[in-house]
């Protein structure tokens, strides 16, 4: 339990691998306590703790199990049981990039590896472009031949990306949107600006971690 006090990562995937060891430690402690305090039923505390852990775990994972059973694996990107709406929107953006843009097109996204793998497109390193903040960021993207910026992961890195781009949002335009949580923004060439500032509200909402569109927004594949 002391490890949890000094654990510095908030991401659950770093904690999940050590949870079985924590549970084993708790059960061993309960068994030792039972042996000392309840000699006639030394395993009673460990059994009770096992029941509590099992019941709480089942309550937590049952919705995920039900969702997995309803997943249509023949059409996973469209099936509501395979991915959340957030994930389906982001995956749709990657598929669109792979199918609708030239192979030489360069993108920038907060999850470079995953998007590059799914889209089969080159991505420019996120940190290299954003390291100096908003000032000159469009020029740095143009120098790196970045044609599109992908919004849709909902991570802290994406909020950082949006925060840097908000002050220069008129220099980008919505190329395609995938409601409710993803969009592909085009980096306009030269000094061009988007007269309607279509990317601005999207970046503002992305910075705050909000949905990018309402339920009435056009669905994936419709032109903005």
Foldseek 3Di string as FASTA:
>chain_A
DVCVVVDDDPDVVVVVVCVVVVLVVVLVVQLVVLVVPPVPCSNVSSVVSVVVVVVVVCVVCVVLVVLCVQQDVVCRLPGCSNDPLLVSFLLLVLCCLQPPHDQAAEEEELPQPVSCVSNVHHYDDLCVLDVVAQVCSLVSCVVVRHFKYKWRPLDPSSLSVLRRCLVVLQQWAWFFGAPFGITIIGRHPDPDGHPVSHRNQQSVCSNVSHTSDDPPDDHGPDGD
